[in-house]
PDB file of N, CA and C in Angstrom:
ATOM      1  N   UNK A   1      57.719 182.668  86.760  1.00  0.00           N
ATOM      2  CA  UNK A   1      58.462 183.560  87.630  1.00  0.00           C
ATOM      3  C   UNK A   1      59.516 184.295  86.804  1.00  0.00           C
ATOM      4  N   UNK A   2      59.546 185.591  86.926  1.00  0.00           N
ATOM      5  CA  UNK A   2      60.478 186.412  86.182  1.00  0.00           C
ATOM      6  C   UNK A   2      61.762 186.551  86.989  1.00  0.00           C
ATOM      7  N   UNK A   3      62.888 186.084  86.417  1.00  0.00           N
ATOM      8  CA  UNK A   3      64.160 186.137  87.141  1.00  0.00           C
ATOM      9  C   UNK A   3      65.081 187.227  86.611  1.00  0.00           C
ATOM     10  N   UNK A   4      64.585 188.032  85.684  1.00  0.00           N
ATOM     11  CA  UNK A   4      65.412 189.108  85.151  1.00  0.00           C
ATOM     12  C   UNK A   4      65.673 190.153  86.224  1.00  0.00           C
ATOM     13  N   UNK A   5      66.834 190.774  86.097  1.00  0.00           N
ATOM     14  CA  UNK A   5      67.207 191.813  87.031  1.00  0.00           C
ATOM     15  C   UNK A   5      66.510 193.108  86.625  1.00  0.00           C
ATOM     16  N   UNK A   6      65.821 193.734  87.533  1.00  0.00           N
ATOM     17  CA  UNK A   6      65.139 194.978  87.184  1.00  0.00           C
ATOM     18  C   UNK A   6      66.117 196.140  87.292  1.00  0.00           C
ATOM     19  N   UNK A   7      66.053 197.030  86.306  1.00  0.00           N
ATOM     20  CA  UNK A   7      66.937 198.186  86.275  1.00  0.00           C
ATOM     21  C   UNK A   7      66.102 199.447  86.123  1.00  0.00           C
ATOM     22  N   UNK A   8      66.633 200.517  86.687  1.00  0.00           N
ATOM     23  CA  UNK A   8      65.966 201.802  86.488  1.00  0.00           C
ATOM     24  C   UNK A   8      66.308 202.308  85.097  1.00  0.00           C
ATOM     25  N   UNK A   9      65.629 203.351  84.683  1.00  0.00           N
ATOM     26  CA  UNK A   9      65.890 203.913  83.360  1.00  0.00           C
ATOM     27  C   UNK A   9      67.341 204.363  83.233  1.00  0.00           C
ATOM     28  N   UNK A  10      67.872 204.980  84.285  1.00  0.00           N
ATOM     29  CA  UNK A  10      69.249 205.466  84.248  1.00  0.00           C
ATOM     30  C   UNK A  10      70.240 204.303  84.146  1.00  0.00           C
ATOM     31  N   UNK A  11      69.980 203.230  84.889  1.00  0.00           N
ATOM     32  CA  UNK A  11      70.867 202.063  84.825  1.00  0.00           C
ATOM     33  C   UNK A  11      70.820 201.419  83.443  1.00  0.00           C
ATOM     34  N   UNK A  12      69.642 201.346  82.871  1.00  0.00           N
ATOM     35  CA  UNK A  12      69.499 200.765  81.540  1.00  0.00           C
ATOM     36  C   UNK A  12      70.227 201.624  80.500  1.00  0.00           C
ATOM     37  N   UNK A  13      70.088 202.935  80.614  1.00  0.00           N
ATOM     38  CA  UNK A  13      70.752 203.846  79.677  1.00  0.00           C
ATOM     39  C   UNK A  13      72.267 203.718  79.810  1.00  0.00           C
ATOM     40  N   UNK A  14      72.765 203.658  81.035  1.00  0.00           N
ATOM     41  CA  UNK A  14      74.203 203.506  81.261  1.00  0.00           C
ATOM     42  C   UNK A  14      74.712 202.177  80.691  1.00  0.00           C
ATOM     43  N   UNK A  15      73.933 201.133  80.855  1.00  0.00           N
ATOM     44  CA  UNK A  15      74.304 199.822  80.318  1.00  0.00           C
ATOM     45  C   UNK A  15      74.410 199.865  78.794  1.00  0.00           C
ATOM     46  N   UNK A  16      73.440 200.483  78.145  1.00  0.00           N
ATOM     47  CA  UNK A  16      73.449 200.580  76.682  1.00  0.00           C
ATOM     48  C   UNK A  16      74.643 201.408  76.210  1.00  0.00           C
ATOM     49  N   UNK A  17      74.931 202.500  76.882  1.00  0.00           N
ATOM     50  CA  UNK A  17      76.064 203.335  76.497  1.00  0.00           C
ATOM     51  C   UNK A  17      77.381 202.599  76.695  1.00  0.00           C
ATOM     52  N   UNK A  18      77.507 201.811  77.752  1.00  0.00           N
ATOM     53  CA  UNK A  18      78.727 201.040  77.990  1.00  0.00           C
ATOM     54  C   UNK A  18      78.908 199.962  76.933  1.00  0.00           C
ATOM     55  N   UNK A  19      77.829 199.431  76.413  1.00  0.00           N
ATOM     56  CA  UNK A  19      77.919 198.422  75.366  1.00  0.00           C
ATOM     57  C   UNK A  19      78.406 199.026  74.056  1.00  0.00           C
ATOM     58  N   UNK A  20      78.195 200.302  73.851  1.00  0.00           N
ATOM     59  CA  UNK A  20      78.545 200.961  72.596  1.00  0.00           C
ATOM     60  C   UNK A  20      79.971 201.493  72.591  1.00  0.00           C
ATOM     61  N   UNK A  21      80.667 201.474  73.735  1.00  0.00           N
ATOM     62  CA  UNK A  21      82.030 201.994  73.809  1.00  0.00           C
ATOM     63  C   UNK A  21      82.963 200.994  73.122  1.00  0.00           C
ATOM     64  N   UNK A  22      83.766 201.439  72.151  1.00  0.00           N
ATOM     65  CA  UNK A  22      84.670 200.508  71.464  1.00  0.00           C
ATOM     66  C   UNK A  22      85.784 200.028  72.389  1.00  0.00           C
ATOM     67  N   UNK A  23      86.363 198.894  72.030  1.00  0.00           N
ATOM     68  CA  UNK A  23      87.431 198.324  72.829  1.00  0.00           C
ATOM     69  C   UNK A  23      88.663 199.216  72.781  1.00  0.00           C
ATOM     70  N   UNK A  24      89.328 199.356  73.920  1.00  0.00           N
ATOM     71  CA  UNK A  24      90.536 200.173  74.013  1.00  0.00           C
ATOM     72  C   UNK A  24      91.744 199.268  73.789  1.00  0.00           C
ATOM     73  N   UNK A  25      92.332 199.323  72.589  1.00  0.00           N
ATOM     74  CA  UNK A  25      93.435 198.438  72.259  1.00  0.00           C
ATOM     75  C   UNK A  25      94.750 198.880  72.890  1.00  0.00           C
ATOM     76  N   UNK A  26      94.849 200.151  73.277  1.00  0.00           N
ATOM     77  CA  UNK A  26      96.082 200.621  73.903  1.00  0.00           C
ATOM     78  C   UNK A  26      96.243 200.041  75.303  1.00  0.00           C
ATOM     79  N   UNK A  27      95.141 199.781  75.980  1.00  0.00           N
ATOM     80  CA  UNK A  27      95.190 199.254  77.338  1.00  0.00           C
ATOM     81  C   UNK A  27      94.678 197.819  77.398  1.00  0.00           C
ATOM     82  N   UNK A  28      94.831 197.080  76.323  1.00  0.00           N
ATOM     83  CA  UNK A  28      94.362 195.703  76.293  1.00  0.00           C
ATOM     84  C   UNK A  28      95.197 194.849  77.235  1.00  0.00           C
ATOM     85  N   UNK A  29      94.585 193.835  77.793  1.00  0.00           N
ATOM     86  CA  UNK A  29      95.266 192.941  78.716  1.00  0.00           C
ATOM     87  C   UNK A  29      95.148 191.515  78.206  1.00  0.00           C
ATOM     88  N   UNK A  30      95.974 191.116  77.225  1.00  0.00           N
ATOM     89  CA  UNK A  30      95.839 189.761  76.679  1.00  0.00           C
ATOM     90  C   UNK A  30      96.159 188.677  77.699  1.00  0.00           C
ATOM     91  N   UNK A  31      96.941 188.990  78.721  1.00  0.00           N
ATOM     92  CA  UNK A  31      97.247 187.991  79.729  1.00  0.00           C
ATOM     93  C   UNK A  31      96.012 187.596  80.530  1.00  0.00           C
ATOM     94  N   UNK A  32      95.003 188.423  80.496  1.00  0.00           N
ATOM     95  CA  UNK A  32      93.758 188.110  81.188  1.00  0.00           C
ATOM     96  C   UNK A  32      92.762 187.438  80.260  1.00  0.00           C
ATOM     97  N   UNK A  33      93.184 187.133  79.033  1.00  0.00           N
ATOM     98  CA  UNK A  33      92.321 186.487  78.057  1.00  0.00           C
ATOM     99  C   UNK A  33      92.975 185.178  77.630  1.00  0.00           C
ATOM    100  N   UNK A  34      92.774 184.105  78.384  1.00  0.00           N
ATOM    101  CA  UNK A  34      93.461 182.845  78.070  1.00  0.00           C
ATOM    102  C   UNK A  34      93.086 182.282  76.709  1.00  0.00           C
ATOM    103  N   UNK A  35      91.884 182.575  76.213  1.00  0.00           N
ATOM    104  CA  UNK A  35      91.496 182.048  74.904  1.00  0.00           C
ATOM    105  C   UNK A  35      92.320 182.675  73.789  1.00  0.00           C
ATOM    106  N   UNK A  36      92.897 183.852  74.014  1.00  0.00           N
ATOM    107  CA  UNK A  36      93.721 184.493  73.007  1.00  0.00           C
ATOM    108  C   UNK A  36      95.103 183.845  72.919  1.00  0.00           C
ATOM    109  N   UNK A  37      95.511 183.127  73.953  1.00  0.00           N
ATOM    110  CA  UNK A  37      96.819 182.488  73.975  1.00  0.00           C
ATOM    111  C   UNK A  37      96.798 181.099  73.347  1.00  0.00           C
ATOM    112  N   UNK A  38      95.636 180.497  73.223  1.00  0.00           N
ATOM    113  CA  UNK A  38      95.539 179.132  72.713  1.00  0.00           C
ATOM    114  C   UNK A  38      95.977 179.079  71.256  1.00  0.00           C
ATOM    115  N   UNK A  39      96.777 178.072  70.946  1.00  0.00           N
ATOM    116  CA  UNK A  39      97.170 177.895  69.559  1.00  0.00           C
ATOM    117  C   UNK A  39      96.043 177.200  68.816  1.00  0.00           C
ATOM    118  N   UNK A  40      95.824 177.589  67.573  1.00  0.00           N
ATOM    119  CA  UNK A  40      94.753 176.950  66.809  1.00  0.00           C
ATOM    120  C   UNK A  40      95.096 175.485  66.533  1.00  0.00           C
ATOM    121  N   UNK A  41      94.085 174.642  66.579  1.00  0.00           N
ATOM    122  CA  UNK A  41      94.286 173.224  66.347  1.00  0.00           C
ATOM    123  C   UNK A  41      93.310 172.751  65.293  1.00  0.00           C
ATOM    124  N   UNK A  42      93.692 171.664  64.630  1.00  0.00           N
ATOM    125  CA  UNK A  42      92.742 171.032  63.728  1.00  0.00           C
ATOM    126  C   UNK A  42      93.029 171.287  62.275  1.00  0.00           C
ATOM    127  N   UNK A  43      92.137 172.028  61.649  1.00  0.00           N
ATOM    128  CA  UNK A  43      92.120 172.161  60.197  1.00  0.00           C
ATOM    129  C   UNK A  43      93.378 172.823  59.630  1.00  0.00           C
ATOM    130  N   UNK A  44      94.018 173.714  60.364  1.00  0.00           N
ATOM    131  CA  UNK A  44      95.172 174.405  59.795  1.00  0.00           C
ATOM    132  C   UNK A  44      96.321 173.451  59.494  1.00  0.00           C
ATOM    133  N   UNK A  45      96.373 172.308  60.156  1.00  0.00           N
ATOM    134  CA  UNK A  45      97.404 171.315  59.864  1.00  0.00           C
ATOM    135  C   UNK A  45      97.029 170.472  58.653  1.00  0.00           C
ATOM    136  N   UNK A  46      95.753 170.374  58.372  1.00  0.00           N
ATOM    137  CA  UNK A  46      95.271 169.543  57.288  1.00  0.00           C
ATOM    138  C   UNK A  46      95.316 170.263  55.934  1.00  0.00           C
ATOM    139  N   UNK A  47      95.230 171.568  55.937  1.00  0.00           N
ATOM    140  CA  UNK A  47      95.163 172.342  54.694  1.00  0.00           C
ATOM    141  C   UNK A  47      96.396 172.132  53.802  1.00  0.00           C
ATOM    142  N   UNK A  48      97.636 172.207  54.317  1.00  0.00           N
ATOM    143  CA  UNK A  48      98.784 171.961  53.427  1.00  0.00           C
ATOM    144  C   UNK A  48      98.773 170.555  52.818  1.00  0.00           C
ATOM    145  N   UNK A  49      98.342 169.576  53.581  1.00  0.00           N
ATOM    146  CA  UNK A  49      98.276 168.210  53.053  1.00  0.00           C
ATOM    147  C   UNK A  49      97.262 168.109  51.921  1.00  0.00           C
ATOM    148  N   UNK A  50      96.132 168.767  52.075  1.00  0.00           N
ATOM    149  CA  UNK A  50      95.108 168.753  51.034  1.00  0.00           C
ATOM    150  C   UNK A  50      95.624 169.442  49.776  1.00  0.00           C
ATOM    151  N   UNK A  51      96.323 170.553  49.940  1.00  0.00           N
ATOM    152  CA  UNK A  51      96.861 171.280  48.791  1.00  0.00           C
ATOM    153  C   UNK A  51      97.890 170.429  48.054  1.00  0.00           C
ATOM    154  N   UNK A  52      98.773 169.768  48.790  1.00  0.00           N
ATOM    155  CA  UNK A  52      99.785 168.908  48.168  1.00  0.00           C
ATOM    156  C   UNK A  52      99.121 167.751  47.432  1.00  0.00           C
ATOM    157  N   UNK A  53      98.137 167.115  48.072  1.00  0.00           N
ATOM    158  CA  UNK A  53      97.446 165.988  47.432  1.00  0.00           C
ATOM    159  C   UNK A  53      96.742 166.433  46.155  1.00  0.00           C
ATOM    160  N   UNK A  54      96.079 167.576  46.177  1.00  0.00           N
ATOM    161  CA  UNK A  54      95.411 168.072  44.979  1.00  0.00           C
ATOM    162  C   UNK A  54      96.425 168.410  43.886  1.00  0.00           C
ATOM    163  N   UNK A  55      97.569 168.938  44.271  1.00  0.00           N
ATOM    164  CA  UNK A  55      98.609 169.233  43.294  1.00  0.00           C
ATOM    165  C   UNK A  55      99.115 167.969  42.620  1.00  0.00           C
ATOM    166  N   UNK A  56      99.285 166.911  43.383  1.00  0.00           N
ATOM    167  CA  UNK A  56      99.725 165.628  42.814  1.00  0.00           C
ATOM    168  C   UNK A  56      98.671 165.069  41.868  1.00  0.00           C
ATOM    169  N   UNK A  57      97.416 165.154  42.260  1.00  0.00           N
ATOM    170  CA  UNK A  57      96.330 164.653  41.410  1.00  0.00           C
ATOM    171  C   UNK A  57      96.266 165.438  40.103  1.00  0.00           C
ATOM    172  N   UNK A  58      96.337 166.753  40.180  1.00  0.00           N
ATOM    173  CA  UNK A  58      96.280 167.590  38.972  1.00  0.00           C
ATOM    174  C   UNK A  58      97.488 167.316  38.085  1.00  0.00           C
ATOM    175  N   UNK A  59      98.674 167.190  38.685  1.00  0.00           N
ATOM    176  CA  UNK A  59      99.876 166.885  37.898  1.00  0.00           C
ATOM    177  C   UNK A  59      99.735 165.525  37.227  1.00  0.00           C
ATOM    178  N   UNK A  60      99.170 164.551  37.919  1.00  0.00           N
ATOM    179  CA  UNK A  60      98.948 163.230  37.330  1.00  0.00           C
ATOM    180  C   UNK A  60      98.006 163.292  36.150  1.00  0.00           C
ATOM    181  N   UNK A  61      96.925 164.045  36.283  1.00  0.00           N
ATOM    182  CA  UNK A  61      95.982 164.188  35.157  1.00  0.00           C
ATOM    183  C   UNK A  61      96.652 164.866  33.961  1.00  0.00           C
ATOM    184  N   UNK A  62      97.461 165.874  34.227  1.00  0.00           N
ATOM    185  CA  UNK A  62      98.140 166.576  33.131  1.00  0.00           C
ATOM    186  C   UNK A  62      99.137 165.666  32.422  1.00  0.00           C
ATOM    187  N   UNK A  63      99.913 164.928  33.203  1.00  0.00           N
ATOM    188  CA  UNK A  63     100.930 164.049  32.616  1.00  0.00           C
ATOM    189  C   UNK A  63     100.260 162.903  31.852  1.00  0.00           C
ATOM    190  N   UNK A  64      99.306 162.229  32.474  1.00  0.00           N
ATOM    191  CA  UNK A  64      98.634 161.092  31.820  1.00  0.00           C
ATOM    192  C   UNK A  64      97.744 161.574  30.683  1.00  0.00           C
ATOM    193  N   UNK A  65      97.118 162.719  30.851  1.00  0.00           N
ATOM    194  CA  UNK A  65      96.261 163.254  29.806  1.00  0.00           C
ATOM    195  C   UNK A  65      97.069 163.674  28.580  1.00  0.00           C
ATOM    196  N   UNK A  66      98.236 164.235  28.797  1.00  0.00           N
ATOM    197  CA  UNK A  66      99.071 164.663  27.681  1.00  0.00           C
ATOM    198  C   UNK A  66      99.631 163.468  26.930  1.00  0.00           C
ATOM    199  N   UNK A  67      99.879 162.353  27.620  1.00  0.00           N
ATOM    200  CA  UNK A  67     100.410 161.158  26.972  1.00  0.00           C
ATOM    201  C   UNK A  67      99.354 160.440  26.143  1.00  0.00           C
ATOM    202  N   UNK A  68      98.088 160.564  26.490  1.00  0.00           N
ATOM    203  CA  UNK A  68      97.019 159.868  25.787  1.00  0.00           C
ATOM    204  C   UNK A  68      96.401 160.703  24.678  1.00  0.00           C
ATOM    205  N   UNK A  69      96.725 161.964  24.577  1.00  0.00           N
ATOM    206  CA  UNK A  69      96.060 162.824  23.605  1.00  0.00           C
ATOM    207  C   UNK A  69      96.631 162.673  22.183  1.00  0.00           C
ATOM    208  N   UNK A  70      97.734 161.951  22.009  1.00  0.00           N
ATOM    209  CA  UNK A  70      98.340 161.828  20.692  1.00  0.00           C
ATOM    210  C   UNK A  70      97.691 160.789  19.792  1.00  0.00           C
ATOM    211  N   UNK A  71      96.794 159.968  20.278  1.00  0.00           N
ATOM    212  CA  UNK A  71      96.374 158.894  19.433  1.00  0.00           C
ATOM    213  C   UNK A  71      94.948 158.733  19.320  1.00  0.00           C
TER     214      UNK A  71
END
């Protein structure tokens, strides 16, 4: 059974043209877009910790490596 909505040629053409119209940023309504208000969660909190940990590891290799290279 076909459940697609049947459209006339004019309706199909109008639909395609409406899909091609770019978004109007001057009349945007962010208050009607709740997903735009959500604060990002997850990985952005982990990135600084990873950078700090990698910095400590690299500094440790440099310090220990420089102390062992003399002999």
